[in-house]
């Protein structure tokens, strides 16, 4: 009986150490998802702007949903120009946040094309 209790106790202590690891991984995944949603929100707002407002700029930083979001708009450096470069802009979104006193960063790159219709 005592041996069974000792084995059960060791197993219980071991399983209790696994739960915090899983919780931290779940929180990291949640923050990554929220950062991606914040970046997508910025990208969609840029798509709604008139083309002339999307000028090549130095990086601008704003706070979106508690994340520090940096936006840089420019012309893409394409090895083979598939489209008129004047009709294409590259948008780089960098999302930063701190979690568990550690800095985290995700970078998203997309392209916006001007329709001439």
PDB file of N, CA and C in Angstrom:
ATOM      1  N   UNK A   1       0.823  -1.196   0.000  1.00  0.00           N
ATOM      2  CA  UNK A   1       0.000   0.000   0.000  1.00  0.00           C
ATOM      3  C   UNK A   1       0.873   1.268   0.000  1.00  0.00           C
ATOM      4  N   UNK A   2       1.920   1.259   0.808  1.00  0.00           N
ATOM      5  CA  UNK A   2       2.803   2.408   0.905  1.00  0.00           C
ATOM      6  C   UNK A   2       3.532   2.618  -0.420  1.00  0.00           C
ATOM      7  N   UNK A   3       3.948   1.536  -1.057  1.00  0.00           N
ATOM      8  CA  UNK A   3       4.643   1.640  -2.340  1.00  0.00           C
ATOM      9  C   UNK A   3       3.704   2.204  -3.401  1.00  0.00           C
ATOM     10  N   UNK A   4       2.472   1.756  -3.385  1.00  0.00           N
ATOM     11  CA  UNK A   4       1.490   2.260  -4.352  1.00  0.00           C
ATOM     12  C   UNK A   4       1.249   3.752  -4.146  1.00  0.00           C
ATOM     13  N   UNK A   5       1.174   4.185  -2.907  1.00  0.00           N
ATOM     14  CA  UNK A   5       0.973   5.611  -2.610  1.00  0.00           C
ATOM     15  C   UNK A   5       2.186   6.427  -3.061  1.00  0.00           C
ATOM     16  N   UNK A   6       3.385   5.887  -2.888  1.00  0.00           N
ATOM     17  CA  UNK A   6       4.597   6.593  -3.305  1.00  0.00           C
ATOM     18  C   UNK A   6       4.630   6.739  -4.821  1.00  0.00           C
ATOM     19  N   UNK A   7       4.291   5.674  -5.533  1.00  0.00           N
ATOM     20  CA  UNK A   7       4.258   5.734  -7.001  1.00  0.00           C
ATOM     21  C   UNK A   7       3.199   6.720  -7.465  1.00  0.00           C
ATOM     22  N   UNK A   8       2.045   6.670  -6.839  1.00  0.00           N
ATOM     23  CA  UNK A   8       0.966   7.597  -7.189  1.00  0.00           C
ATOM     24  C   UNK A   8       1.375   9.039  -6.900  1.00  0.00           C
ATOM     25  N   UNK A   9       2.060   9.262  -5.782  1.00  0.00           N
ATOM     26  CA  UNK A   9       2.520  10.608  -5.429  1.00  0.00           C
ATOM     27  C   UNK A   9       3.529  11.147  -6.426  1.00  0.00           C
ATOM     28  N   UNK A  10       4.473  10.310  -6.850  1.00  0.00           N
ATOM     29  CA  UNK A  10       5.467  10.736  -7.838  1.00  0.00           C
ATOM     30  C   UNK A  10       4.784  11.073  -9.161  1.00  0.00           C
ATOM     31  N   UNK A  11       3.839  10.249  -9.569  1.00  0.00           N
ATOM     32  CA  UNK A  11       3.101  10.508 -10.814  1.00  0.00           C
ATOM     33  C   UNK A  11       2.293  11.789 -10.735  1.00  0.00           C
ATOM     34  N   UNK A  12       1.683  12.034  -9.583  1.00  0.00           N
ATOM     35  CA  UNK A  12       0.877  13.244  -9.407  1.00  0.00           C
ATOM     36  C   UNK A  12       1.745  14.499  -9.447  1.00  0.00           C
ATOM     37  N   UNK A  13       2.890  14.467  -8.778  1.00  0.00           N
ATOM     38  CA  UNK A  13       3.803  15.617  -8.792  1.00  0.00           C
ATOM     39  C   UNK A  13       4.326  15.859 -10.205  1.00  0.00           C
ATOM     40  N   UNK A  14       4.663  14.793 -10.911  1.00  0.00           N
ATOM     41  CA  UNK A  14       5.140  14.933 -12.290  1.00  0.00           C
ATOM     42  C   UNK A  14       4.091  15.530 -13.205  1.00  0.00           C
ATOM     43  N   UNK A  15       2.852  15.106 -13.042  1.00  0.00           N
ATOM     44  CA  UNK A  15       1.791  15.648 -13.901  1.00  0.00           C
ATOM     45  C   UNK A  15       1.486  17.104 -13.562  1.00  0.00           C
ATOM     46  N   UNK A  16       1.674  17.494 -12.311  1.00  0.00           N
ATOM     47  CA  UNK A  16       1.421  18.885 -11.930  1.00  0.00           C
ATOM     48  C   UNK A  16       2.451  19.821 -12.555  1.00  0.00           C
ATOM     49  N   UNK A  17       3.642  19.332 -12.846  1.00  0.00           N
ATOM     50  CA  UNK A  17       4.669  20.167 -13.459  1.00  0.00           C
ATOM     51  C   UNK A  17       4.412  20.358 -14.948  1.00  0.00           C
ATOM     52  N   UNK A  18       3.615  19.492 -15.548  1.00  0.00           N
ATOM     53  CA  UNK A  18       3.322  19.593 -16.975  1.00  0.00           C
ATOM     54  C   UNK A  18       2.295  20.691 -17.250  1.00  0.00           C
ATOM     55  N   UNK A  19       1.361  20.911 -16.360  1.00  0.00           N
ATOM     56  CA  UNK A  19       0.289  21.874 -16.596  1.00  0.00           C
ATOM     57  C   UNK A  19       0.784  23.302 -16.832  1.00  0.00           C
ATOM     58  N   UNK A  20       1.720  23.843 -16.045  1.00  0.00           N
ATOM     59  CA  UNK A  20       2.192  25.211 -16.327  1.00  0.00           C
ATOM     60  C   UNK A  20       2.860  25.347 -17.694  1.00  0.00           C
ATOM     61  N   UNK A  21       3.563  24.308 -18.134  1.00  0.00           N
ATOM     62  CA  UNK A  21       4.210  24.355 -19.450  1.00  0.00           C
ATOM     63  C   UNK A  21       3.148  24.453 -20.541  1.00  0.00           C
ATOM     64  N   UNK A  22       2.110  23.651 -20.427  1.00  0.00           N
ATOM     65  CA  UNK A  22       1.018  23.698 -21.400  1.00  0.00           C
ATOM     66  C   UNK A  22       0.287  25.030 -21.372  1.00  0.00           C
ATOM     67  N   UNK A  23       0.110  25.593 -20.188  1.00  0.00           N
ATOM     68  CA  UNK A  23      -0.564  26.884 -20.067  1.00  0.00           C
ATOM     69  C   UNK A  23       0.250  27.989 -20.728  1.00  0.00           C
ATOM     70  N   UNK A  24       1.570  27.993 -20.523  1.00  0.00           N
ATOM     71  CA  UNK A  24       2.415  29.009 -21.164  1.00  0.00           C
ATOM     72  C   UNK A  24       2.387  28.872 -22.684  1.00  0.00           C
ATOM     73  N   UNK A  25       2.410  27.647 -23.175  1.00  0.00           N
ATOM     74  CA  UNK A  25       2.347  27.432 -24.627  1.00  0.00           C
ATOM     75  C   UNK A  25       1.018  27.926 -25.179  1.00  0.00           C
ATOM     76  N   UNK A  26      -0.043  27.694 -24.448  1.00  0.00           N
ATOM     77  CA  UNK A  26      -1.363  28.167 -24.874  1.00  0.00           C
ATOM     78  C   UNK A  26      -1.418  29.694 -24.892  1.00  0.00           C
ATOM     79  N   UNK A  27      -0.833  30.333 -23.894  1.00  0.00           N
ATOM     80  CA  UNK A  27      -0.812  31.794 -23.849  1.00  0.00           C
ATOM     81  C   UNK A  27       0.034  32.375 -24.982  1.00  0.00           C
ATOM     82  N   UNK A  28       1.167  31.730 -25.296  1.00  0.00           N
ATOM     83  CA  UNK A  28       1.992  32.179 -26.420  1.00  0.00           C
ATOM     84  C   UNK A  28       1.221  32.082 -27.732  1.00  0.00           C
ATOM     85  N   UNK A  29       0.517  30.980 -27.913  1.00  0.00           N
ATOM     86  CA  UNK A  29      -0.270  30.801 -29.137  1.00  0.00           C
ATOM     87  C   UNK A  29      -1.374  31.848 -29.227  1.00  0.00           C
ATOM     88  N   UNK A  30      -1.999  32.162 -28.103  1.00  0.00           N
ATOM     89  CA  UNK A  30      -3.043  33.189 -28.100  1.00  0.00           C
ATOM     90  C   UNK A  30      -2.470  34.549 -28.493  1.00  0.00           C
ATOM     91  N   UNK A  31      -1.320  34.906 -27.939  1.00  0.00           N
ATOM     92  CA  UNK A  31      -0.721  36.200 -28.257  1.00  0.00           C
ATOM     93  C   UNK A  31      -0.282  36.263 -29.717  1.00  0.00           C
ATOM     94  N   UNK A  32       0.239  35.164 -30.262  1.00  0.00           N
ATOM     95  CA  UNK A  32       0.595  35.132 -31.681  1.00  0.00           C
ATOM     96  C   UNK A  32      -0.637  35.347 -32.552  1.00  0.00           C
ATOM     97  N   UNK A  33      -1.741  34.717 -32.189  1.00  0.00           N
ATOM     98  CA  UNK A  33      -2.985  34.888 -32.953  1.00  0.00           C
ATOM     99  C   UNK A  33      -3.493  36.322 -32.855  1.00  0.00           C
ATOM    100  N   UNK A  34      -3.452  36.892 -31.653  1.00  0.00           N
ATOM    101  CA  UNK A  34      -3.911  38.273 -31.484  1.00  0.00           C
ATOM    102  C   UNK A  34      -3.020  39.246 -32.249  1.00  0.00           C
ATOM    103  N   UNK A  35      -1.718  38.976 -32.282  1.00  0.00           N
ATOM    104  CA  UNK A  35      -0.794  39.830 -33.041  1.00  0.00           C
ATOM    105  C   UNK A  35      -1.101  39.751 -34.532  1.00  0.00           C
ATOM    106  N   UNK A  36      -1.391  38.564 -35.029  1.00  0.00           N
ATOM    107  CA  UNK A  36      -1.735  38.404 -36.445  1.00  0.00           C
ATOM    108  C   UNK A  36      -3.031  39.131 -36.778  1.00  0.00           C
ATOM    109  N   UNK A  37      -3.991  39.101 -35.874  1.00  0.00           N
ATOM    110  CA  UNK A  37      -5.256  39.812 -36.098  1.00  0.00           C
ATOM    111  C   UNK A  37      -5.017  41.317 -36.108  1.00  0.00           C
ATOM    112  N   UNK A  38      -4.173  41.815 -35.205  1.00  0.00           N
ATOM    113  CA  UNK A  38      -3.858  43.252 -35.188  1.00  0.00           C
ATOM    114  C   UNK A  38      -3.174  43.666 -36.486  1.00  0.00           C
ATOM    115  N   UNK A  39      -2.251  42.848 -36.979  1.00  0.00           N
ATOM    116  CA  UNK A  39      -1.571  43.157 -38.245  1.00  0.00           C
ATOM    117  C   UNK A  39      -2.563  43.146 -39.402  1.00  0.00           C
ATOM    118  N   UNK A  40      -3.460  42.175 -39.422  1.00  0.00           N
ATOM    119  CA  UNK A  40      -4.453  42.101 -40.494  1.00  0.00           C
ATOM    120  C   UNK A  40      -5.373  43.318 -40.465  1.00  0.00           C
ATOM    121  N   UNK A  41      -5.706  43.780 -39.269  1.00  0.00           N
ATOM    122  CA  UNK A  41      -6.557  44.970 -39.149  1.00  0.00           C
ATOM    123  C   UNK A  41      -5.866  46.188 -39.769  1.00  0.00           C
ATOM    124  N   UNK A  42      -4.565  46.340 -39.522  1.00  0.00           N
ATOM    125  CA  UNK A  42      -3.810  47.458 -40.101  1.00  0.00           C
ATOM    126  C   UNK A  42      -3.740  47.325 -41.621  1.00  0.00           C
ATOM    127  N   UNK A  43      -3.476  46.121 -42.107  1.00  0.00           N
ATOM    128  CA  UNK A  43      -3.399  45.898 -43.557  1.00  0.00           C
ATOM    129  C   UNK A  43      -4.723  46.236 -44.229  1.00  0.00           C
ATOM    130  N   UNK A  44      -5.817  45.795 -43.648  1.00  0.00           N
ATOM    131  CA  UNK A  44      -7.131  46.078 -44.240  1.00  0.00           C
ATOM    132  C   UNK A  44      -7.434  47.573 -44.223  1.00  0.00           C
ATOM    133  N   UNK A  45      -7.013  48.278 -43.170  1.00  0.00           N
ATOM    134  CA  UNK A  45      -7.246  49.728 -43.144  1.00  0.00           C
ATOM    135  C   UNK A  45      -6.417  50.431 -44.213  1.00  0.00           C
ATOM    136  N   UNK A  46      -5.215  49.918 -44.498  1.00  0.00           N
ATOM    137  CA  UNK A  46      -4.396  50.507 -45.566  1.00  0.00           C
ATOM    138  C   UNK A  46      -5.026  50.273 -46.932  1.00  0.00           C
ATOM    139  N   UNK A  47      -5.638  49.127 -47.130  1.00  0.00           N
ATOM    140  CA  UNK A  47      -6.282  48.825 -48.411  1.00  0.00           C
ATOM    141  C   UNK A  47      -7.451  49.762 -48.696  1.00  0.00           C
ATOM    142  N   UNK A  48      -8.071  50.277 -47.646  1.00  0.00           N
ATOM    143  CA  UNK A  48      -9.217  51.171 -47.813  1.00  0.00           C
ATOM    144  C   UNK A  48      -8.806  52.609 -48.119  1.00  0.00           C
ATOM    145  N   UNK A  49      -7.551  52.943 -47.898  1.00  0.00           N
ATOM    146  CA  UNK A  49      -7.077  54.306 -48.161  1.00  0.00           C
ATOM    147  C   UNK A  49      -6.924  54.552 -49.655  1.00  0.00           C
ATOM    148  N   UNK A  50      -7.040  55.812 -50.061  1.00  0.00           N
ATOM    149  CA  UNK A  50      -6.744  56.142 -51.461  1.00  0.00           C
ATOM    150  C   UNK A  50      -5.269  55.854 -51.764  1.00  0.00           C
ATOM    151  N   UNK A  51      -4.993  55.495 -53.000  1.00  0.00           N
ATOM    152  CA  UNK A  51      -3.636  55.107 -53.416  1.00  0.00           C
ATOM    153  C   UNK A  51      -2.610  56.204 -53.137  1.00  0.00           C
ATOM    154  N   UNK A  52      -3.004  57.459 -53.345  1.00  0.00           N
ATOM    155  CA  UNK A  52      -2.071  58.574 -53.154  1.00  0.00           C
ATOM    156  C   UNK A  52      -1.634  58.739 -51.699  1.00  0.00           C
ATOM    157  N   UNK A  53      -2.428  58.262 -50.758  1.00  0.00           N
ATOM    158  CA  UNK A  53      -2.058  58.354 -49.345  1.00  0.00           C
ATOM    159  C   UNK A  53      -1.039  57.288 -48.943  1.00  0.00           C
ATOM    160  N   UNK A  54      -0.830  56.298 -49.788  1.00  0.00           N
ATOM    161  CA  UNK A  54       0.111  55.218 -49.481  1.00  0.00           C
ATOM    162  C   UNK A  54       1.495  55.550 -50.024  1.00  0.00           C
ATOM    163  N   UNK A  55       2.033  56.657 -49.576  1.00  0.00           N
ATOM    164  CA  UNK A  55       3.350  57.070 -50.065  1.00  0.00           C
ATOM    165  C   UNK A  55       4.446  56.329 -49.306  1.00  0.00           C
ATOM    166  N   UNK A  56       5.611  56.267 -49.937  1.00  0.00           N
ATOM    167  CA  UNK A  56       6.760  55.649 -49.272  1.00  0.00           C
ATOM    168  C   UNK A  56       7.066  56.461 -48.023  1.00  0.00           C
ATOM    169  N   UNK A  57       7.075  55.800 -46.907  1.00  0.00           N
ATOM    170  CA  UNK A  57       7.249  56.510 -45.644  1.00  0.00           C
ATOM    171  C   UNK A  57       8.308  55.837 -44.794  1.00  0.00           C
ATOM    172  N   UNK A  58       8.796  56.612 -43.854  1.00  0.00           N
ATOM    173  CA  UNK A  58       9.566  56.009 -42.783  1.00  0.00           C
ATOM    174  C   UNK A  58       8.568  55.188 -41.966  1.00  0.00           C
ATOM    175  N   UNK A  59       9.061  54.273 -41.227  1.00  0.00           N
ATOM    176  CA  UNK A  59       8.183  53.425 -40.434  1.00  0.00           C
ATOM    177  C   UNK A  59       7.397  54.263 -39.429  1.00  0.00           C
ATOM    178  N   UNK A  60       6.106  54.004 -39.349  1.00  0.00           N
ATOM    179  CA  UNK A  60       5.253  54.660 -38.367  1.00  0.00           C
ATOM    180  C   UNK A  60       4.830  53.622 -37.343  1.00  0.00           C
ATOM    181  N   UNK A  61       4.744  54.044 -36.096  1.00  0.00           N
ATOM    182  CA  UNK A  61       4.400  53.123 -35.012  1.00  0.00           C
ATOM    183  C   UNK A  61       3.137  53.606 -34.330  1.00  0.00           C
ATOM    184  N   UNK A  62       2.246  52.650 -34.054  1.00  0.00           N
ATOM    185  CA  UNK A  62       1.015  52.949 -33.337  1.00  0.00           C
ATOM    186  C   UNK A  62       0.707  51.770 -32.422  1.00  0.00           C
ATOM    187  N   UNK A  63      -0.212  51.979 -31.499  1.00  0.00           N
ATOM    188  CA  UNK A  63      -0.634  50.909 -30.608  1.00  0.00           C
ATOM    189  C   UNK A  63      -1.982  50.394 -31.084  1.00  0.00           C
ATOM    190  N   UNK A  64      -2.052  49.091 -31.343  1.00  0.00           N
ATOM    191  CA  UNK A  64      -3.285  48.451 -31.801  1.00  0.00           C
ATOM    192  C   UNK A  64      -3.556  47.268 -30.879  1.00  0.00           C
ATOM    193  N   UNK A  65      -4.672  47.324 -30.165  1.00  0.00           N
ATOM    194  CA  UNK A  65      -5.076  46.231 -29.268  1.00  0.00           C
ATOM    195  C   UNK A  65      -3.978  45.845 -28.278  1.00  0.00           C
ATOM    196  N   UNK A  66      -3.229  46.820 -27.795  1.00  0.00           N
ATOM    197  CA  UNK A  66      -2.184  46.543 -26.824  1.00  0.00           C
ATOM    198  C   UNK A  66      -0.857  46.111 -27.418  1.00  0.00           C
ATOM    199  N   UNK A  67      -0.752  46.074 -28.738  1.00  0.00           N
ATOM    200  CA  UNK A  67       0.485  45.703 -29.414  1.00  0.00           C
ATOM    201  C   UNK A  67       1.114  46.951 -30.018  1.00  0.00           C
ATOM    202  N   UNK A  68       2.438  46.974 -30.078  1.00  0.00           N
ATOM    203  CA  UNK A  68       3.149  48.042 -30.783  1.00  0.00           C
ATOM    204  C   UNK A  68       3.281  47.602 -32.240  1.00  0.00           C
ATOM    205  N   UNK A  69       2.619  48.334 -33.128  1.00  0.00           N
ATOM    206  CA  UNK A  69       2.572  47.957 -34.541  1.00  0.00           C
ATOM    207  C   UNK A  69       3.322  49.002 -35.361  1.00  0.00           C
ATOM    208  N   UNK A  70       4.346  48.564 -36.082  1.00  0.00           N
ATOM    209  CA  UNK A  70       5.140  49.438 -36.938  1.00  0.00           C
ATOM    210  C   UNK A  70       4.827  49.108 -38.388  1.00  0.00           C
ATOM    211  N   UNK A  71       4.510  50.148 -39.165  1.00  0.00           N
ATOM    212  CA  UNK A  71       4.141  49.976 -40.568  1.00  0.00           C
ATOM    213  C   UNK A  71       5.155  50.696 -41.445  1.00  0.00           C
ATOM    214  N   UNK A  72       5.676  49.993 -42.439  1.00  0.00           N
ATOM    215  CA  UNK A  72       6.592  50.586 -43.415  1.00  0.00           C
ATOM    216  C   UNK A  72       6.048  50.301 -44.810  1.00  0.00           C
ATOM    217  N   UNK A  73       5.859  51.367 -45.593  1.00  0.00           N
ATOM    218  CA  UNK A  73       5.338  51.244 -46.957  1.00  0.00           C
ATOM    219  C   UNK A  73       6.445  51.627 -47.922  1.00  0.00           C
ATOM    220  N   UNK A  74       6.597  50.849 -48.969  1.00  0.00           N
ATOM    221  CA  UNK A  74       7.628  51.148 -49.960  1.00  0.00           C
ATOM    222  C   UNK A  74       7.335  50.445 -51.266  1.00  0.00           C
ATOM    223  N   UNK A  75       8.275  50.541 -52.174  1.00  0.00           N
ATOM    224  CA  UNK A  75       8.163  49.824 -53.444  1.00  0.00           C
ATOM    225  C   UNK A  75       8.925  48.512 -53.313  1.00  0.00           C
ATOM    226  N   UNK A  76       8.353  47.424 -53.771  1.00  0.00           N
ATOM    227  CA  UNK A  76       9.036  46.135 -53.633  1.00  0.00           C
ATOM    228  C   UNK A  76      10.234  46.025 -54.565  1.00  0.00           C
ATOM    229  N   UNK A  77      11.230  45.325 -54.109  1.00  0.00           N
ATOM    230  CA  UNK A  77      12.409  45.060 -54.935  1.00  0.00           C
ATOM    231  C   UNK A  77      12.226  43.680 -55.565  1.00  0.00           C
ATOM    232  N   UNK A  78      11.612  43.658 -56.729  1.00  0.00           N
ATOM    233  CA  UNK A  78      11.342  42.398 -57.413  1.00  0.00           C
ATOM    234  C   UNK A  78      12.457  42.097 -58.407  1.00  0.00           C
ATOM    235  N   UNK A  79      12.941  40.873 -58.388  1.00  0.00           N
ATOM    236  CA  UNK A  79      13.988  40.474 -59.330  1.00  0.00           C
ATOM    237  C   UNK A  79      13.456  40.485 -60.761  1.00  0.00           C
ATOM    238  N   UNK A  80      12.231  40.015 -60.909  1.00  0.00           N
ATOM    239  CA  UNK A  80      11.569  40.016 -62.219  1.00  0.00           C
ATOM    240  C   UNK A  80      10.292  40.825 -62.061  1.00  0.00           C
ATOM    241  N   UNK A  81      10.224  42.008 -62.660  1.00  0.00           N
ATOM    242  CA  UNK A  81       9.013  42.818 -62.495  1.00  0.00           C
ATOM    243  C   UNK A  81       7.824  42.162 -63.195  1.00  0.00           C
ATOM    244  N   UNK A  82       6.882  41.713 -62.396  1.00  0.00           N
ATOM    245  CA  UNK A  82       5.697  41.063 -62.937  1.00  0.00           C
ATOM    246  C   UNK A  82       4.577  42.054 -63.206  1.00  0.00           C
ATOM    247  N   UNK A  83       4.728  43.239 -62.682  1.00  0.00           N
ATOM    248  CA  UNK A  83       3.693  44.262 -62.788  1.00  0.00           C
ATOM    249  C   UNK A  83       4.405  45.605 -62.852  1.00  0.00           C
ATOM    250  N   UNK A  84       3.742  46.595 -63.368  1.00  0.00           N
ATOM    251  CA  UNK A  84       4.296  47.949 -63.387  1.00  0.00           C
ATOM    252  C   UNK A  84       4.616  48.356 -61.945  1.00  0.00           C
ATOM    253  N   UNK A  85       5.882  48.652 -61.632  1.00  0.00           N
ATOM    254  CA  UNK A  85       6.253  48.976 -60.252  1.00  0.00           C
ATOM    255  C   UNK A  85       5.493  50.166 -59.676  1.00  0.00           C
ATOM    256  N   UNK A  86       5.015  51.055 -60.516  1.00  0.00           N
ATOM    257  CA  UNK A  86       4.267  52.208 -60.016  1.00  0.00           C
ATOM    258  C   UNK A  86       2.893  51.794 -59.490  1.00  0.00           C
ATOM    259  N   UNK A  87       2.452  50.584 -59.815  1.00  0.00           N
ATOM    260  CA  UNK A  87       1.135  50.107 -59.383  1.00  0.00           C
ATOM    261  C   UNK A  87       1.214  49.145 -58.205  1.00  0.00           C
ATOM    262  N   UNK A  88       2.393  49.007 -57.607  1.00  0.00           N
ATOM    263  CA  UNK A  88       2.560  48.025 -56.538  1.00  0.00           C
ATOM    264  C   UNK A  88       3.312  48.635 -55.359  1.00  0.00           C
ATOM    265  N   UNK A  89       2.823  48.385 -54.162  1.00  0.00           N
ATOM    266  CA  UNK A  89       3.477  48.840 -52.928  1.00  0.00           C
ATOM    267  C   UNK A  89       3.704  47.627 -52.033  1.00  0.00           C
ATOM    268  N   UNK A  90       4.823  47.631 -51.359  1.00  0.00           N
ATOM    269  CA  UNK A  90       5.056  46.603 -50.340  1.00  0.00           C
ATOM    270  C   UNK A  90       4.732  47.205 -48.976  1.00  0.00           C
ATOM    271  N   UNK A  91       4.121  46.403 -48.145  1.00  0.00           N
ATOM    272  CA  UNK A  91       3.753  46.837 -46.802  1.00  0.00           C
ATOM    273  C   UNK A  91       4.334  45.825 -45.821  1.00  0.00           C
ATOM    274  N   UNK A  92       5.170  46.319 -44.925  1.00  0.00           N
ATOM    275  CA  UNK A  92       5.741  45.457 -43.890  1.00  0.00           C
ATOM    276  C   UNK A  92       5.195  45.891 -42.542  1.00  0.00           C
ATOM    277  N   UNK A  93       4.552  44.965 -41.866  1.00  0.00           N
ATOM    278  CA  UNK A  93       3.957  45.223 -40.558  1.00  0.00           C
ATOM    279  C   UNK A  93       4.760  44.432 -39.526  1.00  0.00           C
ATOM    280  N   UNK A  94       5.272  45.127 -38.522  1.00  0.00           N
ATOM    281  CA  UNK A  94       5.991  44.479 -37.428  1.00  0.00           C
ATOM    282  C   UNK A  94       5.178  44.671 -36.158  1.00  0.00           C
ATOM    283  N   UNK A  95       4.843  43.572 -35.506  1.00  0.00           N
ATOM    284  CA  UNK A  95       4.041  43.611 -34.281  1.00  0.00           C
ATOM    285  C   UNK A  95       4.933  43.161 -33.132  1.00  0.00           C
ATOM    286  N   UNK A  96       5.000  43.999 -32.085  1.00  0.00           N
ATOM    287  CA  UNK A  96       5.843  43.701 -30.922  1.00  0.00           C
ATOM    288  C   UNK A  96       4.998  43.712 -29.655  1.00  0.00           C
ATOM    289  N   UNK A  97       5.384  42.849 -28.719  1.00  0.00           N
ATOM    290  CA  UNK A  97       4.747  42.833 -27.413  1.00  0.00           C
ATOM    291  C   UNK A  97       5.681  42.124 -26.436  1.00  0.00           C
ATOM    292  N   UNK A  98       5.394  42.284 -25.156  1.00  0.00           N
ATOM    293  CA  UNK A  98       6.168  41.606 -24.114  1.00  0.00           C
ATOM    294  C   UNK A  98       5.250  40.611 -23.415  1.00  0.00           C
ATOM    295  N   UNK A  99       5.781  39.431 -23.191  1.00  0.00           N
ATOM    296  CA  UNK A  99       5.028  38.394 -22.484  1.00  0.00           C
ATOM    297  C   UNK A  99       6.002  37.660 -21.583  1.00  0.00           C
ATOM    298  N   UNK A 100       5.653  37.540 -20.331  1.00  0.00           N
ATOM    299  CA  UNK A 100       6.537  36.917 -19.341  1.00  0.00           C
ATOM    300  C   UNK A 100       7.893  37.618 -19.313  1.00  0.00           C
ATOM    301  N   UNK A 101       7.871  38.923 -19.392  1.00  0.00           N
ATOM    302  CA  UNK A 101       9.055  39.800 -19.393  1.00  0.00           C
ATOM    303  C   UNK A 101      10.005  39.540 -20.557  1.00  0.00           C
ATOM    304  N   UNK A 102       9.533  38.856 -21.587  1.00  0.00           N
ATOM    305  CA  UNK A 102      10.355  38.605 -22.771  1.00  0.00           C
ATOM    306  C   UNK A 102       9.746  39.329 -23.963  1.00  0.00           C
ATOM    307  N   UNK A 103      10.571  39.994 -24.767  1.00  0.00           N
ATOM    308  CA  UNK A 103      10.028  40.658 -25.959  1.00  0.00           C
ATOM    309  C   UNK A 103       9.736  39.633 -27.063  1.00  0.00           C
ATOM    310  N   UNK A 104       8.634  39.861 -27.749  1.00  0.00           N
ATOM    311  CA  UNK A 104       8.245  39.015 -28.882  1.00  0.00           C
ATOM    312  C   UNK A 104       7.976  39.919 -30.076  1.00  0.00           C
ATOM    313  N   UNK A 105       8.161  39.371 -31.272  1.00  0.00           N
ATOM    314  CA  UNK A 105       7.982  40.158 -32.490  1.00  0.00           C
ATOM    315  C   UNK A 105       7.558  39.226 -33.629  1.00  0.00           C
ATOM    316  N   UNK A 106       6.569  39.682 -34.389  1.00  0.00           N
ATOM    317  CA  UNK A 106       6.164  39.000 -35.618  1.00  0.00           C
ATOM    318  C   UNK A 106       6.219  40.014 -36.747  1.00  0.00           C
ATOM    319  N   UNK A 107       6.688  39.592 -37.915  1.00  0.00           N
ATOM    320  CA  UNK A 107       6.781  40.474 -39.077  1.00  0.00           C
ATOM    321  C   UNK A 107       5.911  39.899 -40.187  1.00  0.00           C
ATOM    322  N   UNK A 108       5.067  40.756 -40.758  1.00  0.00           N
ATOM    323  CA  UNK A 108       4.179  40.371 -41.852  1.00  0.00           C
ATOM    324  C   UNK A 108       4.517  41.233 -43.061  1.00  0.00           C
ATOM    325  N   UNK A 109       4.584  40.631 -44.226  1.00  0.00           N
ATOM    326  CA  UNK A 109       4.873  41.350 -45.461  1.00  0.00           C
ATOM    327  C   UNK A 109       3.776  41.043 -46.461  1.00  0.00           C
ATOM    328  N   UNK A 110       3.223  42.093 -47.054  1.00  0.00           N
ATOM    329  CA  UNK A 110       2.197  41.914 -48.074  1.00  0.00           C
ATOM    330  C   UNK A 110       2.389  42.973 -49.147  1.00  0.00           C
ATOM    331  N   UNK A 111       1.624  42.855 -50.200  1.00  0.00           N
ATOM    332  CA  UNK A 111       1.690  43.800 -51.315  1.00  0.00           C
ATOM    333  C   UNK A 111       0.295  44.327 -51.594  1.00  0.00           C
ATOM    334  N   UNK A 112       0.231  45.612 -51.941  1.00  0.00           N
ATOM    335  CA  UNK A 112      -1.035  46.240 -52.322  1.00  0.00           C
ATOM    336  C   UNK A 112      -0.886  46.722 -53.752  1.00  0.00           C
ATOM    337  N   UNK A 113      -1.874  46.368 -54.571  1.00  0.00           N
ATOM    338  CA  UNK A 113      -1.831  46.713 -55.997  1.00  0.00           C
ATOM    339  C   UNK A 113      -2.919  47.733 -56.299  1.00  0.00           C
ATOM    340  N   UNK A 114      -2.561  48.719 -57.115  1.00  0.00           N
ATOM    341  CA  UNK A 114      -3.529  49.733 -57.535  1.00  0.00           C
ATOM    342  C   UNK A 114      -4.307  49.181 -58.721  1.00  0.00           C
ATOM    343  N   UNK A 115      -5.622  49.245 -58.609  1.00  0.00           N
ATOM    344  CA  UNK A 115      -6.478  48.849 -59.728  1.00  0.00           C
ATOM    345  C   UNK A 115      -6.690  50.049 -60.627  1.00  0.00           C
ATOM    346  N   UNK A 116      -6.507  49.858 -61.906  1.00  0.00           N
ATOM    347  CA  UNK A 116      -6.745  50.929 -62.877  1.00  0.00           C
ATOM    348  C   UNK A 116      -8.022  50.649 -63.654  1.00  0.00           C
ATOM    349  N   UNK A 117      -9.058  50.332 -62.922  1.00  0.00           N
ATOM    350  CA  UNK A 117     -10.327  50.040 -63.597  1.00  0.00           C
ATOM    351  C   UNK A 117     -11.258  51.204 -63.536  1.00  0.00           C
TER     352      UNK A 117
END
